[in-house]
Amino acid sequence: MSPENKIRLEILQSAPLNEWIALSEDESRLVAVGDDYSEVSEKADAAGETEAVILRTPSEWSSFSV
C-alpha cells in the first residue's frame, strides 16, 4: 500500500461514523465534519479548502468498505 493510501485509510477509519466529512484536496487531512453536506462544505471553505473531497461515512465499516 502506498504511503498516500495508508494515510487516507487511517483518516477514514478514524472519522466519525454516519457523518459527512471533508478531506483536504490531497486527501491527507480531515478538515471538516458535520451532519449534512452544506455544513461540511461551508466548514471546508472556511478552512481554506475550496476543493475538498466531501463524502459520507457509513454507519459501520465492513471489510468491503475500506
N, C-alpha and C. Protein backbone atom coordinates (compact mmCIF):
# COMPACT_ATOMS: atom_id res chain seq x y z
N MET A 1 0.85 -1.17 0.00
CA MET A 1 0.00 0.00 0.00
C MET A 1 0.90 1.24 0.00
N SER A 2 0.54 2.18 -0.85
CA SER A 2 1.34 3.41 -0.93
C SER A 2 1.18 4.23 0.35
N PRO A 3 2.15 5.09 0.63
CA PRO A 3 2.03 5.94 1.83
C PRO A 3 0.77 6.82 1.79
N GLU A 4 0.42 7.33 0.61
CA GLU A 4 -0.77 8.16 0.47
C GLU A 4 -2.03 7.37 0.80
N ASN A 5 -2.12 6.15 0.30
CA ASN A 5 -3.29 5.31 0.58
C ASN A 5 -3.37 4.94 2.06
N LYS A 6 -2.21 4.72 2.67
CA LYS A 6 -2.19 4.39 4.09
C LYS A 6 -2.72 5.55 4.92
N ILE A 7 -2.30 6.76 4.59
CA ILE A 7 -2.78 7.95 5.30
C ILE A 7 -4.28 8.10 5.11
N ARG A 8 -4.76 7.96 3.87
CA ARG A 8 -6.19 8.08 3.57
C ARG A 8 -6.99 7.05 4.36
N LEU A 9 -6.51 5.82 4.42
CA LEU A 9 -7.19 4.76 5.16
C LEU A 9 -7.26 5.10 6.65
N GLU A 10 -6.17 5.57 7.22
CA GLU A 10 -6.15 5.94 8.63
C GLU A 10 -7.14 7.07 8.93
N ILE A 11 -7.20 8.05 8.03
CA ILE A 11 -8.15 9.15 8.22
C ILE A 11 -9.58 8.65 8.19
N LEU A 12 -9.89 7.84 7.19
CA LEU A 12 -11.26 7.32 7.07
C LEU A 12 -11.64 6.45 8.26
N GLN A 13 -10.74 5.61 8.71
CA GLN A 13 -11.04 4.74 9.85
C GLN A 13 -11.21 5.52 11.14
N SER A 14 -10.58 6.68 11.25
CA SER A 14 -10.69 7.47 12.48
C SER A 14 -11.84 8.49 12.42
N ALA A 15 -12.42 8.68 11.24
CA ALA A 15 -13.51 9.65 11.09
C ALA A 15 -14.77 9.15 11.78
N PRO A 16 -15.61 10.05 12.26
CA PRO A 16 -16.86 9.64 12.89
C PRO A 16 -17.75 8.89 11.91
N LEU A 17 -18.44 7.89 12.41
CA LEU A 17 -19.34 7.11 11.57
C LEU A 17 -20.64 7.86 11.33
N ASN A 18 -21.24 7.59 10.18
CA ASN A 18 -22.56 8.14 9.82
C ASN A 18 -22.57 9.67 9.85
N GLU A 19 -21.51 10.27 9.34
CA GLU A 19 -21.38 11.73 9.28
C GLU A 19 -20.86 12.12 7.90
N TRP A 20 -21.08 13.36 7.54
CA TRP A 20 -20.44 13.94 6.37
C TRP A 20 -19.07 14.42 6.79
N ILE A 21 -18.06 14.18 5.96
CA ILE A 21 -16.70 14.64 6.26
C ILE A 21 -16.11 15.30 5.01
N ALA A 22 -15.14 16.14 5.24
CA ALA A 22 -14.38 16.75 4.15
C ALA A 22 -12.91 16.47 4.37
N LEU A 23 -12.26 16.01 3.32
CA LEU A 23 -10.83 15.80 3.33
C LEU A 23 -10.18 16.91 2.52
N SER A 24 -8.95 17.23 2.86
CA SER A 24 -8.21 18.21 2.07
C SER A 24 -8.13 17.71 0.62
N GLU A 25 -7.85 18.62 -0.30
CA GLU A 25 -7.81 18.25 -1.72
C GLU A 25 -6.88 17.06 -1.98
N ASP A 26 -5.75 16.99 -1.28
CA ASP A 26 -4.82 15.88 -1.47
C ASP A 26 -5.16 14.67 -0.60
N GLU A 27 -6.28 14.77 0.12
CA GLU A 27 -6.80 13.70 0.97
C GLU A 27 -5.84 13.28 2.09
N SER A 28 -5.05 14.23 2.55
CA SER A 28 -4.09 13.94 3.62
C SER A 28 -4.55 14.38 4.99
N ARG A 29 -5.68 15.15 5.05
CA ARG A 29 -6.16 15.67 6.33
C ARG A 29 -7.69 15.71 6.34
N LEU A 30 -8.25 15.46 7.49
CA LEU A 30 -9.68 15.65 7.72
C LEU A 30 -9.85 17.12 8.08
N VAL A 31 -10.67 17.86 7.30
CA VAL A 31 -10.78 19.30 7.53
C VAL A 31 -12.14 19.73 8.07
N ALA A 32 -13.15 18.86 7.97
CA ALA A 32 -14.47 19.24 8.48
C ALA A 32 -15.33 18.00 8.69
N VAL A 33 -16.23 18.10 9.66
CA VAL A 33 -17.21 17.05 9.97
C VAL A 33 -18.53 17.74 10.23
N GLY A 34 -19.63 17.13 9.78
CA GLY A 34 -20.93 17.73 10.05
C GLY A 34 -22.08 16.79 9.75
N ASP A 35 -23.28 17.28 10.05
CA ASP A 35 -24.48 16.48 9.88
C ASP A 35 -25.00 16.46 8.45
N ASP A 36 -24.65 17.49 7.66
CA ASP A 36 -25.12 17.48 6.27
C ASP A 36 -24.05 18.07 5.34
N TYR A 37 -24.27 17.85 4.05
CA TYR A 37 -23.31 18.25 3.04
C TYR A 37 -23.02 19.75 3.11
N SER A 38 -24.07 20.55 3.20
CA SER A 38 -23.91 22.01 3.19
C SER A 38 -23.03 22.49 4.34
N GLU A 39 -23.28 21.94 5.52
CA GLU A 39 -22.49 22.32 6.69
C GLU A 39 -21.02 22.00 6.49
N VAL A 40 -20.74 20.82 5.99
CA VAL A 40 -19.34 20.40 5.79
C VAL A 40 -18.69 21.23 4.69
N SER A 41 -19.43 21.51 3.64
CA SER A 41 -18.90 22.33 2.56
C SER A 41 -18.53 23.72 3.06
N GLU A 42 -19.40 24.33 3.85
CA GLU A 42 -19.12 25.65 4.41
C GLU A 42 -17.91 25.62 5.34
N LYS A 43 -17.82 24.59 6.18
CA LYS A 43 -16.67 24.48 7.10
C LYS A 43 -15.37 24.29 6.33
N ALA A 44 -15.41 23.47 5.28
CA ALA A 44 -14.21 23.24 4.47
C ALA A 44 -13.77 24.53 3.78
N ASP A 45 -14.74 25.26 3.21
CA ASP A 45 -14.41 26.54 2.59
C ASP A 45 -13.80 27.51 3.60
N ALA A 46 -14.37 27.56 4.81
CA ALA A 46 -13.86 28.44 5.86
C ALA A 46 -12.44 28.05 6.27
N ALA A 47 -12.11 26.76 6.13
CA ALA A 47 -10.77 26.28 6.47
C ALA A 47 -9.79 26.47 5.31
N GLY A 48 -10.28 27.08 4.21
CA GLY A 48 -9.40 27.34 3.07
C GLY A 48 -9.33 26.19 2.09
N GLU A 49 -10.18 25.20 2.24
CA GLU A 49 -10.17 24.03 1.36
C GLU A 49 -11.34 24.11 0.38
N THR A 50 -11.18 24.92 -0.68
CA THR A 50 -12.26 25.11 -1.65
C THR A 50 -12.43 23.93 -2.58
N GLU A 51 -11.46 23.03 -2.62
CA GLU A 51 -11.53 21.84 -3.47
C GLU A 51 -11.53 20.57 -2.61
N ALA A 52 -12.18 20.63 -1.47
CA ALA A 52 -12.21 19.50 -0.54
C ALA A 52 -12.95 18.31 -1.15
N VAL A 53 -12.58 17.12 -0.70
CA VAL A 53 -13.26 15.89 -1.07
C VAL A 53 -14.30 15.62 0.02
N ILE A 54 -15.58 15.69 -0.33
CA ILE A 54 -16.65 15.54 0.65
C ILE A 54 -17.36 14.21 0.45
N LEU A 55 -17.55 13.49 1.54
CA LEU A 55 -18.22 12.21 1.48
C LEU A 55 -18.92 11.91 2.79
N ARG A 56 -19.79 10.91 2.74
CA ARG A 56 -20.49 10.48 3.95
C ARG A 56 -19.90 9.15 4.39
N THR A 57 -19.58 9.06 5.67
CA THR A 57 -19.06 7.80 6.19
C THR A 57 -20.23 6.85 6.45
N PRO A 58 -19.97 5.56 6.38
CA PRO A 58 -21.04 4.59 6.62
C PRO A 58 -21.39 4.51 8.11
N SER A 59 -22.51 3.89 8.41
CA SER A 59 -22.90 3.72 9.81
C SER A 59 -22.00 2.71 10.52
N GLU A 60 -21.38 1.85 9.75
CA GLU A 60 -20.36 0.94 10.28
C GLU A 60 -19.46 0.51 9.12
N TRP A 61 -18.22 0.22 9.44
CA TRP A 61 -17.29 -0.24 8.42
C TRP A 61 -17.38 -1.74 8.27
N SER A 62 -17.45 -2.20 7.05
CA SER A 62 -17.37 -3.64 6.78
C SER A 62 -16.04 -3.89 6.07
N SER A 63 -15.67 -5.12 5.92
CA SER A 63 -14.40 -5.42 5.26
C SER A 63 -14.42 -4.98 3.80
N PHE A 64 -15.58 -4.75 3.23
CA PHE A 64 -15.68 -4.31 1.85
C PHE A 64 -15.69 -2.79 1.73
N SER A 65 -15.87 -2.08 2.83
CA SER A 65 -15.96 -0.62 2.80
C SER A 65 -14.62 0.05 2.64
N VAL A 66 -13.57 -0.54 3.19
CA VAL A 66 -12.27 0.11 3.18
C VAL A 66 -11.27 -0.77 2.49
